[in-house]
């Protein structure tokens, strides 16, 4: 049986090449192990659906084939026109998976009526079962994480939650599904990898809490860790399979090395057998002298860390990130002292936010001095707490946002759409400006900072200078 994955990964940026996605690579590996053939259409640019259909057909051959779509809420717009074309023009059955489908399986089947099935949760057991049945000419029935649309009646039949994948037993990801030489990071030889799935924290804007609750309801653990020895062997295989010199790794885990004992074992093995420089995601409250020393000794040269909002009240009450500015300052100090560079994640356009609180985010970055900053506009993903909050407060609009760096899906009482886009477009420049003000003599610096604050809070400034939404 041929299985063709379609993974939309579109970003409106000139140099964008798309990311390696372990979810699809892992499913490709288990399908191949089960004797099926796999291919991938990795959409990184907007293209005519007919062109995408031709790419799917080329990989599917004469069939039989299953076309499996994996997508987020934002990327769903690129899937909707494709699914009916696959059914009508190619006659192949279709299945959807990924975060959006997992958090809203029935809604996904309603919104895309041409879909046959939705996989809710990890697909490592579901997809081989579906492919095996289709190869025998049988039609899969609901259950074990597979939600079904009856082709005759249109009735949606629930299938529960899929079994959580055993990360100690599944095969290594099939990385060569992706164009390893042509994706983001390839020029520097940086390989994206994951040692775990899940996150123990409860941020309201993130899907992890909803996913954890869904697994917990079925009596399953969501936060899982690959054994250290197994993960190091996976990294060694990734190095052997990369078509070029490997410059290092980025560990894409939501939080890398949550378990300190695991991290110590991994460190010992990694230093002995690999030793490449690496980067990772880390929480501020996990930045301790012991952990930082261990990371630095193992080869960590870069940490990505969520600052999100400079307004402590918003950070705590709206985002449920109980991290003080003082704790952030301590974390930055420890990482900088160890020679580890820092990228901050920042969110704009939060419920309850106004221009003053956006400036707090900008000024906190100016004080902390990260090496790089990523700033995006909050997108309230279906199934998250912040989505429910925005819905209850009447903040959701009908705008279809295709890029959370370019527009907002909310109408906020304290912050206009133009202001959100203005601060997003000029975030880094404003951080640089406030850094310069901090270097000025006391009274002069305070006067210019106060004047800048007042000017930037005037709504007409954003009206005149904000970019057009895209």
Protein backbone atom coordinates (compact mmCIF):
# COMPACT_ATOMS: atom_id res chain seq x y z
CA UNK A 1 0.00 0.00 0.00
CA UNK A 2 1.25 3.47 -0.83
CA UNK A 3 0.72 6.22 1.74
CA UNK A 4 1.28 9.79 0.60
CA UNK A 5 1.60 12.39 3.34
CA UNK A 6 0.67 15.99 2.65
CA UNK A 7 2.21 18.37 5.16
CA UNK A 8 1.41 22.08 4.65
CA UNK A 9 4.18 24.19 6.19
CA UNK A 10 3.60 27.50 4.42
CA UNK A 11 5.13 30.76 5.63
CA UNK A 12 5.14 34.03 3.72
CA UNK A 13 8.87 34.69 4.03
CA UNK A 14 11.38 34.98 1.16
CA UNK A 15 13.95 32.53 2.53
CA UNK A 16 11.50 30.03 3.99
CA UNK A 17 12.29 26.39 3.16
CA UNK A 18 10.10 24.56 5.66
CA UNK A 19 10.94 22.58 8.77
CA UNK A 20 11.59 18.92 9.35
CA UNK A 21 8.58 17.54 11.25
CA UNK A 22 9.20 14.48 13.38
CA UNK A 23 5.52 13.51 13.57
CA UNK A 24 5.34 12.72 9.85
CA UNK A 25 8.83 11.18 9.81
CA UNK A 26 7.91 8.85 12.68
CA UNK A 27 4.71 7.73 10.95
CA UNK A 28 6.66 7.14 7.76
CA UNK A 29 9.04 4.87 9.66
CA UNK A 30 6.33 2.70 11.24
CA UNK A 31 4.49 2.38 7.92
CA UNK A 32 7.68 1.36 6.13
CA UNK A 33 8.43 -1.16 8.88
CA UNK A 34 4.94 -2.61 8.30
CA UNK A 35 5.74 -3.10 4.60
CA UNK A 36 4.07 -0.04 3.08
CA UNK A 37 5.58 2.55 0.73
CA UNK A 38 5.57 6.18 1.83
CA UNK A 39 6.06 9.56 0.20
CA UNK A 40 5.67 13.19 1.23
CA UNK A 41 4.38 16.37 -0.38
CA UNK A 42 5.91 19.09 1.79
CA UNK A 43 4.11 22.35 1.01
CA UNK A 44 6.28 25.33 1.88
CA UNK A 45 4.86 27.84 -0.62
CA UNK A 46 1.37 28.73 -1.72
CA UNK A 47 0.64 26.90 -4.94
CA UNK A 48 -2.35 26.07 -7.09
CA UNK A 49 -4.21 23.03 -5.67
CA UNK A 50 -4.03 21.43 -9.10
CA UNK A 51 -0.23 21.51 -8.95
CA UNK A 52 -0.27 19.92 -5.50
CA UNK A 53 -2.65 17.26 -6.80
CA UNK A 54 -0.19 16.41 -9.58
CA UNK A 55 2.56 15.99 -6.99
CA UNK A 56 0.34 13.67 -4.94
CA UNK A 57 -0.54 11.64 -8.03
CA UNK A 58 3.13 11.26 -8.98
CA UNK A 59 3.95 9.78 -5.57
CA UNK A 60 0.83 7.59 -5.43
CA UNK A 61 1.39 6.06 -8.85
CA UNK A 62 -1.44 3.84 -10.00
CA UNK A 63 -2.46 3.08 -6.42
CA UNK A 64 -4.05 1.83 -4.35
CA UNK A 65 -3.04 4.69 -2.08
CA UNK A 66 -4.03 6.49 1.08
CA UNK A 67 -3.49 10.26 1.23
CA UNK A 68 -2.82 11.43 4.80
CA UNK A 69 -2.91 15.13 5.72
CA UNK A 70 -1.19 16.48 8.84
CA UNK A 71 -1.88 20.13 9.65
CA UNK A 72 -2.34 22.83 12.26
CA UNK A 73 -5.35 25.14 12.52
CA UNK A 74 -3.67 27.87 10.50
CA UNK A 75 -2.47 25.50 7.77
CA UNK A 76 -5.94 23.93 7.40
CA UNK A 77 -6.74 26.49 4.71
CA UNK A 78 -4.28 24.76 2.37
CA UNK A 79 -5.84 21.34 2.98
CA UNK A 80 -9.51 22.21 2.47
CA UNK A 81 -9.40 22.55 -1.35
CA UNK A 82 -7.13 19.51 -1.76
CA UNK A 83 -9.17 16.82 -0.04
CA UNK A 84 -12.17 16.89 -2.44
CA UNK A 85 -9.77 16.97 -5.40
CA UNK A 86 -8.01 13.84 -4.15
CA UNK A 87 -11.34 12.04 -3.88
CA UNK A 88 -12.86 13.30 -7.14
CA UNK A 89 -9.81 13.32 -9.43
CA UNK A 90 -7.70 10.50 -8.00
CA UNK A 91 -10.29 8.38 -6.20
CA UNK A 92 -8.05 7.79 -3.17
CA UNK A 93 -9.32 7.69 0.43
CA UNK A 94 -8.16 10.46 2.75
CA UNK A 95 -7.23 10.72 6.40
CA UNK A 96 -6.38 13.74 8.58
CA UNK A 97 -4.19 13.91 11.65
CA UNK A 98 -2.07 16.36 13.57
CA UNK A 99 -2.86 18.81 16.34
CA UNK A 100 -5.96 20.43 14.84
CA UNK A 101 -7.60 17.10 14.02
CA UNK A 102 -6.71 15.70 17.44
CA UNK A 103 -8.21 18.62 19.35
CA UNK A 104 -11.37 18.76 17.21
CA UNK A 105 -11.87 15.47 15.32
CA UNK A 106 -15.61 15.83 14.75
CA UNK A 107 -15.23 19.46 13.71
CA UNK A 108 -12.49 18.51 11.25
CA UNK A 109 -14.74 15.93 9.60
CA UNK A 110 -17.58 18.47 9.44
CA UNK A 111 -15.39 21.27 8.07
CA UNK A 112 -13.82 19.04 5.38
CA UNK A 113 -16.71 16.79 4.28
CA UNK A 114 -14.62 14.89 1.71
CA UNK A 115 -12.43 13.41 4.46
CA UNK A 116 -12.92 9.73 5.24
CA UNK A 117 -11.16 9.48 8.60
CA UNK A 118 -9.47 11.43 11.35
CA UNK A 119 -6.72 10.02 13.54
CA UNK A 120 -7.04 11.47 17.03
CA UNK A 121 -3.70 11.36 18.81
CA UNK A 122 -0.49 9.52 17.96
CA UNK A 123 -0.79 7.68 14.65
CA UNK A 124 1.93 5.06 15.10
CA UNK A 125 -0.62 2.29 15.70
CA UNK A 126 -3.53 3.76 13.76
CA UNK A 127 -1.97 4.35 10.34
CA UNK A 128 -0.42 0.88 9.84
CA UNK A 129 -3.78 -0.65 10.79
CA UNK A 130 -5.63 1.54 8.28
CA UNK A 131 -3.08 0.84 5.54
CA UNK A 132 -3.22 -2.92 6.20
CA UNK A 133 -7.02 -2.97 5.94
CA UNK A 134 -7.08 -0.88 2.77
CA UNK A 135 -4.43 -3.11 1.19
CA UNK A 136 -6.76 -6.08 1.78
CA UNK A 137 -9.70 -4.21 0.30
CA UNK A 138 -11.39 -3.70 3.67
CA UNK A 139 -12.73 -0.43 5.03
CA UNK A 140 -11.53 0.62 8.51
CA UNK A 141 -14.15 0.98 11.22
CA UNK A 142 -14.16 3.50 14.09
CA UNK A 143 -12.17 2.84 17.24
CA UNK A 144 -8.64 2.95 18.61
CA UNK A 145 -8.30 6.65 17.76
CA UNK A 146 -9.87 6.45 14.29
CA UNK A 147 -12.92 8.67 13.73
CA UNK A 148 -14.99 7.79 10.68
CA UNK A 149 -17.37 9.57 8.34
CA UNK A 150 -20.01 7.28 6.87
CA UNK A 151 -19.85 7.87 3.11
CA UNK A 152 -23.55 7.07 2.67
CA UNK A 153 -25.17 8.95 5.55
CA UNK A 154 -22.43 11.46 6.40
CA UNK A 155 -22.70 10.41 10.04
CA UNK A 156 -19.57 11.00 12.12
CA UNK A 157 -18.67 7.99 14.26
CA UNK A 158 -16.32 8.71 17.20
CA UNK A 159 -13.27 6.55 17.69
CA UNK A 160 -11.81 7.66 21.00
CA UNK A 161 -8.14 8.47 21.54
CA UNK A 162 -5.31 6.59 19.85
CA UNK A 163 -2.80 4.68 21.99
CA UNK A 164 0.15 6.83 23.00
CA UNK A 165 3.24 5.77 21.06
CA UNK A 166 5.88 3.88 23.03
CA UNK A 167 8.96 6.00 22.35
CA UNK A 168 11.25 3.18 23.49
CA UNK A 169 9.97 0.80 20.80
CA UNK A 170 8.99 2.69 17.66
CA UNK A 171 11.60 2.80 14.85
CA UNK A 172 13.81 5.82 14.32
CA UNK A 173 12.09 8.56 12.27
CA UNK A 174 12.31 8.31 8.50
CA UNK A 175 14.18 11.58 8.06
CA UNK A 176 14.74 11.08 4.32
CA UNK A 177 11.04 11.71 3.69
CA UNK A 178 12.09 15.36 3.83
CA UNK A 179 14.56 17.09 1.54
CA UNK A 180 17.27 17.09 4.18
CA UNK A 181 19.60 19.23 2.10
CA UNK A 182 16.93 21.83 1.34
CA UNK A 183 15.05 22.51 4.59
CA UNK A 184 15.62 25.16 7.26
CA UNK A 185 18.97 24.75 8.98
CA UNK A 186 20.44 22.47 6.30
CA UNK A 187 22.99 25.03 5.11
CA UNK A 188 24.46 25.16 8.62
CA UNK A 189 24.13 21.40 9.03
CA UNK A 190 21.73 21.80 11.97
CA UNK A 191 19.51 18.74 12.49
CA UNK A 192 16.16 19.08 14.26
CA UNK A 193 15.50 16.17 16.63
CA UNK A 194 13.22 15.33 19.57
CA UNK A 195 13.94 13.30 22.69
CA UNK A 196 10.42 13.47 24.14
CA UNK A 197 6.77 14.23 23.51
CA UNK A 198 4.65 16.46 25.69
CA UNK A 199 5.13 19.19 28.26
CA UNK A 200 4.35 19.30 32.01
CA UNK A 201 3.30 22.96 32.04
CA UNK A 202 -0.16 24.51 31.58
CA UNK A 203 0.21 27.57 29.33
CA UNK A 204 -3.23 28.68 28.17
CA UNK A 205 -2.19 29.40 24.57
CA UNK A 206 -0.56 26.02 23.98
CA UNK A 207 -2.15 22.77 22.83
CA UNK A 208 -0.18 20.68 25.33
CA UNK A 209 -2.65 20.99 28.20
CA UNK A 210 -5.58 19.96 25.99
CA UNK A 211 -3.58 17.03 24.62
CA UNK A 212 -2.49 15.97 28.08
CA UNK A 213 -6.10 16.09 29.32
CA UNK A 214 -7.25 14.01 26.33
CA UNK A 215 -4.65 11.31 27.00
CA UNK A 216 -5.30 11.40 30.74
CA UNK A 217 -9.02 10.83 30.15
CA UNK A 218 -8.06 7.58 28.44
CA UNK A 219 -5.71 6.57 31.24
CA UNK A 220 -2.56 7.31 29.22
CA UNK A 221 0.55 9.34 29.93
CA UNK A 222 1.17 12.22 27.55
CA UNK A 223 4.65 13.31 28.67
CA UNK A 224 7.06 10.62 27.45
CA UNK A 225 10.83 10.44 27.11
CA UNK A 226 12.98 8.33 24.79
CA UNK A 227 15.57 6.30 26.73
CA UNK A 228 18.91 8.13 26.64
CA UNK A 229 20.80 5.27 24.98
CA UNK A 230 18.11 4.87 22.33
CA UNK A 231 18.08 8.61 21.64
CA UNK A 232 21.85 8.78 21.21
CA UNK A 233 21.67 5.90 18.71
CA UNK A 234 18.96 7.83 16.85
CA UNK A 235 21.24 10.87 16.70
CA UNK A 236 24.11 8.74 15.40
CA UNK A 237 21.87 7.41 12.63
CA UNK A 238 20.71 10.94 11.81
CA UNK A 239 24.34 12.03 11.40
CA UNK A 240 25.08 9.08 9.11
CA UNK A 241 22.02 9.81 6.98
CA UNK A 242 22.56 13.55 6.57
CA UNK A 243 23.88 14.52 3.10
CA UNK A 244 26.59 16.87 4.34
CA UNK A 245 28.64 17.92 7.33
CA UNK A 246 26.65 18.05 10.56
CA UNK A 247 27.15 21.32 12.41
CA UNK A 248 25.00 20.46 15.41
CA UNK A 249 21.51 19.69 16.65
CA UNK A 250 18.48 21.58 17.82
CA UNK A 251 16.38 19.62 20.29
CA UNK A 252 12.79 20.55 19.41
CA UNK A 253 11.28 19.11 22.61
CA UNK A 254 8.81 21.55 24.17
CA UNK A 255 11.16 21.47 27.18
CA UNK A 256 14.44 19.60 26.81
CA UNK A 257 15.66 17.43 29.66
CA UNK A 258 12.73 17.80 32.06
CA UNK A 259 14.08 14.83 34.04
CA UNK A 260 17.48 15.83 35.42
CA UNK A 261 18.60 12.22 35.94
CA UNK A 262 17.82 11.47 32.29
CA UNK A 263 19.76 14.58 31.28
CA UNK A 264 22.79 13.44 33.26
CA UNK A 265 22.76 10.02 31.59
CA UNK A 266 22.27 11.58 28.16
CA UNK A 267 25.14 14.01 28.81
CA UNK A 268 27.56 11.18 29.58
CA UNK A 269 26.62 9.24 26.43
CA UNK A 270 26.44 12.28 24.16
CA UNK A 271 29.87 13.62 25.14
CA UNK A 272 31.45 10.21 24.60
CA UNK A 273 29.84 9.42 21.23
CA UNK A 274 28.81 12.68 19.52
CA UNK A 275 29.83 15.93 21.14
CA UNK A 276 28.24 18.30 18.62
CA UNK A 277 27.09 21.73 19.74
CA UNK A 278 23.34 21.97 20.23
CA UNK A 279 20.45 24.24 21.13
CA UNK A 280 17.22 23.52 22.98
CA UNK A 281 14.00 24.92 24.44
CA UNK A 282 14.02 25.60 28.18
CA UNK A 283 11.70 27.10 30.81
CA UNK A 284 13.02 29.97 32.97
CA UNK A 285 12.10 28.20 36.21
CA UNK A 286 14.21 25.21 35.15
CA UNK A 287 17.34 27.31 34.72
CA UNK A 288 19.35 26.33 37.79
CA UNK A 289 23.14 26.40 38.28
CA UNK A 290 23.30 22.58 38.16
CA UNK A 291 21.23 22.29 34.98
CA UNK A 292 23.04 25.12 33.21
CA UNK A 293 26.44 23.66 34.09
CA UNK A 294 25.35 20.25 32.80
CA UNK A 295 23.95 21.68 29.56
CA UNK A 296 27.06 23.77 28.91
CA UNK A 297 29.40 20.83 29.56
CA UNK A 298 27.35 18.65 27.19
CA UNK A 299 27.61 21.16 24.34
CA UNK A 300 24.62 23.48 24.68
CA UNK A 301 25.38 26.79 22.97
CA UNK A 302 21.88 28.19 22.52
CA UNK A 303 18.63 28.23 24.50
CA UNK A 304 15.19 29.33 23.31
CA UNK A 305 13.05 30.54 26.19
CA UNK A 306 9.53 31.92 26.51
CA UNK A 307 9.33 35.45 27.85
CA UNK A 308 5.93 35.95 26.12
CA UNK A 309 4.80 39.10 27.97
CA UNK A 310 6.65 41.70 29.99
CA UNK A 311 3.49 42.40 31.99
CA UNK A 312 3.69 40.06 34.99
CA UNK A 313 -0.07 40.21 35.58
CA UNK A 314 -0.90 39.16 32.01
CA UNK A 315 1.79 36.51 32.08
CA UNK A 316 0.36 35.00 35.25
CA UNK A 317 -3.40 35.49 34.86
CA UNK A 318 -3.91 35.23 31.10
CA UNK A 319 -1.07 32.91 30.04
CA UNK A 320 -0.72 30.97 33.34
CA UNK A 321 3.04 31.37 33.31
CA UNK A 322 3.90 32.00 36.95
CA UNK A 323 7.34 33.40 36.24
CA UNK A 324 8.44 36.72 37.72
CA UNK A 325 10.66 39.24 35.97
CA UNK A 326 13.21 38.70 38.74
CA UNK A 327 13.33 34.97 37.96
CA UNK A 328 13.79 35.75 34.26
CA UNK A 329 16.70 38.03 35.11
CA UNK A 330 18.35 35.29 37.19
CA UNK A 331 17.88 32.75 34.39
CA UNK A 332 19.42 35.11 31.83
CA UNK A 333 22.35 35.77 34.14
CA UNK A 334 23.11 32.07 34.60
CA UNK A 335 22.89 31.30 30.88
CA UNK A 336 25.02 34.27 29.85
CA UNK A 337 27.63 33.43 32.46
CA UNK A 338 27.86 29.93 30.94
CA UNK A 339 28.35 31.37 27.44
CA UNK A 340 24.95 30.17 26.18
CA UNK A 341 23.16 32.48 23.75
CA UNK A 342 19.44 33.15 24.24
CA UNK A 343 16.44 33.61 21.95
CA UNK A 344 13.21 34.84 23.54
CA UNK A 345 9.70 33.95 22.41
CA UNK A 346 7.28 36.88 22.67
CA UNK A 347 3.52 37.11 22.13
CA UNK A 348 1.55 40.20 21.12
CA UNK A 349 -2.20 40.76 20.93
CA UNK A 350 -3.20 39.00 24.16
CA UNK A 351 -6.66 39.29 25.74
CA UNK A 352 -6.44 42.12 28.25
CA UNK A 353 -3.41 43.68 26.57
CA UNK A 354 -2.98 47.35 25.77
CA UNK A 355 -0.16 49.46 24.35
CA UNK A 356 1.36 49.93 27.80
CA UNK A 357 1.69 46.18 28.38
CA UNK A 358 3.18 45.66 24.90
CA UNK A 359 5.80 48.26 25.79
CA UNK A 360 6.53 46.31 28.99
CA UNK A 361 7.35 43.30 26.80
CA UNK A 362 9.60 45.39 24.57
CA UNK A 363 11.37 47.03 27.52
CA UNK A 364 11.89 43.72 29.34
CA UNK A 365 13.67 42.38 26.25
CA UNK A 366 15.75 45.56 26.20
CA UNK A 367 16.79 45.04 29.84
CA UNK A 368 17.48 41.31 29.54
CA UNK A 369 19.44 41.59 26.29
CA UNK A 370 18.67 38.34 24.42
CA UNK A 371 20.81 37.54 21.40
CA UNK A 372 17.72 37.04 19.24
CA UNK A 373 13.97 37.53 19.60
CA UNK A 374 11.00 35.82 18.00
CA UNK A 375 7.82 37.85 18.25
CA UNK A 376 4.51 36.61 16.94
CA UNK A 377 0.84 37.51 17.27
CA UNK A 378 -1.28 35.31 19.51
CA UNK A 379 -3.39 32.83 17.56
CA UNK A 380 -6.11 31.22 19.73
CA UNK A 381 -5.86 27.59 18.68
CA UNK A 382 -9.00 25.50 18.95
CA UNK A 383 -9.07 23.49 22.17
CA UNK A 384 -6.80 25.79 24.18
CA UNK A 385 -7.87 27.70 27.29
CA UNK A 386 -7.14 31.02 25.66
CA UNK A 387 -9.43 30.12 22.76
CA UNK A 388 -12.27 29.50 25.21
CA UNK A 389 -11.48 32.76 27.01
CA UNK A 390 -11.47 34.74 23.76
CA UNK A 391 -14.72 33.08 22.68
CA UNK A 392 -16.42 33.79 26.02
CA UNK A 393 -15.34 37.44 25.91
CA UNK A 394 -16.48 37.92 22.30
CA UNK A 395 -12.96 38.64 21.02
CA UNK A 396 -12.89 36.12 18.16
CA UNK A 397 -13.32 37.46 14.64
CA UNK A 398 -14.11 35.70 11.38
CA UNK A 399 -10.78 36.75 9.89
CA UNK A 400 -8.90 33.82 8.38
CA UNK A 401 -5.34 34.24 9.60
CA UNK A 402 -2.79 32.33 7.52
CA UNK A 403 0.32 33.65 9.25
CA UNK A 404 0.52 34.60 12.93
CA UNK A 405 3.41 36.90 12.16
CA UNK A 406 1.20 39.02 9.88
CA UNK A 407 -2.29 39.40 11.42
CA UNK A 408 -4.48 38.89 14.48
CA UNK A 409 -7.63 36.79 14.80
CA UNK A 410 -8.89 38.85 17.77
CA UNK A 411 -10.55 42.22 18.25
CA UNK A 412 -9.22 43.56 21.55
CA UNK A 413 -10.85 46.41 23.50
CA UNK A 414 -7.49 47.78 24.67
CA UNK A 415 -5.43 47.34 21.51
CA UNK A 416 -6.49 48.00 17.93
CA UNK A 417 -5.62 45.73 15.04
CA UNK A 418 -3.39 48.50 13.67
CA UNK A 419 -1.53 48.70 16.98
CA UNK A 420 -0.94 44.95 17.07
CA UNK A 421 0.50 45.04 13.54
CA UNK A 422 2.53 48.18 14.29
CA UNK A 423 4.22 46.70 17.36
CA UNK A 424 4.77 43.37 15.60
CA UNK A 425 6.46 45.05 12.63
CA UNK A 426 8.65 47.34 14.76
CA UNK A 427 9.30 45.13 17.76
CA UNK A 428 13.02 44.61 17.26
CA UNK A 429 13.68 48.22 16.33
CA UNK A 430 11.89 49.40 19.47
CA UNK A 431 13.89 47.00 21.65
CA UNK A 432 17.07 48.51 20.20
CA UNK A 433 15.76 52.05 20.87
CA UNK A 434 14.93 51.34 24.51
CA UNK A 435 18.36 49.73 24.98
CA UNK A 436 19.91 52.99 23.81
CA UNK A 437 17.75 54.99 26.20
CA UNK A 438 18.97 52.85 29.11
CA UNK A 439 22.55 53.93 28.37
CA UNK A 440 21.75 57.64 28.62
CA UNK A 441 22.37 59.62 31.84
CA UNK A 442 19.61 59.16 34.45
CA UNK A 443 17.27 62.14 34.02
CA UNK A 444 17.70 62.44 30.24
CA UNK A 445 17.10 58.72 29.77
CA UNK A 446 13.96 58.78 31.92
CA UNK A 447 12.55 61.85 30.13
CA UNK A 448 13.08 60.34 26.67
CA UNK A 449 11.67 56.99 27.79
CA UNK A 450 8.53 58.67 29.13
CA UNK A 451 8.11 60.69 25.94
CA UNK A 452 8.59 57.57 23.80
CA UNK A 453 6.03 55.69 25.89
CA UNK A 454 3.42 58.41 25.44
CA UNK A 455 3.95 58.73 21.69
CA UNK A 456 3.80 54.97 21.09
CA UNK A 457 0.53 54.65 23.02
CA UNK A 458 -1.24 57.12 20.72
CA UNK A 459 -3.45 55.09 18.40
CA UNK A 460 -2.93 57.40 15.43
CA UNK A 461 0.77 56.48 15.35
CA UNK A 462 -0.19 52.88 14.58
CA UNK A 463 -2.83 53.99 12.06
CA UNK A 464 -0.20 55.97 10.16
CA UNK A 465 2.68 53.50 10.36
CA UNK A 466 1.28 49.97 10.70
CA UNK A 467 1.73 47.56 7.76
CA UNK A 468 -1.28 46.28 5.89
CA UNK A 469 -2.50 42.89 7.21
CA UNK A 470 -1.78 39.85 5.04
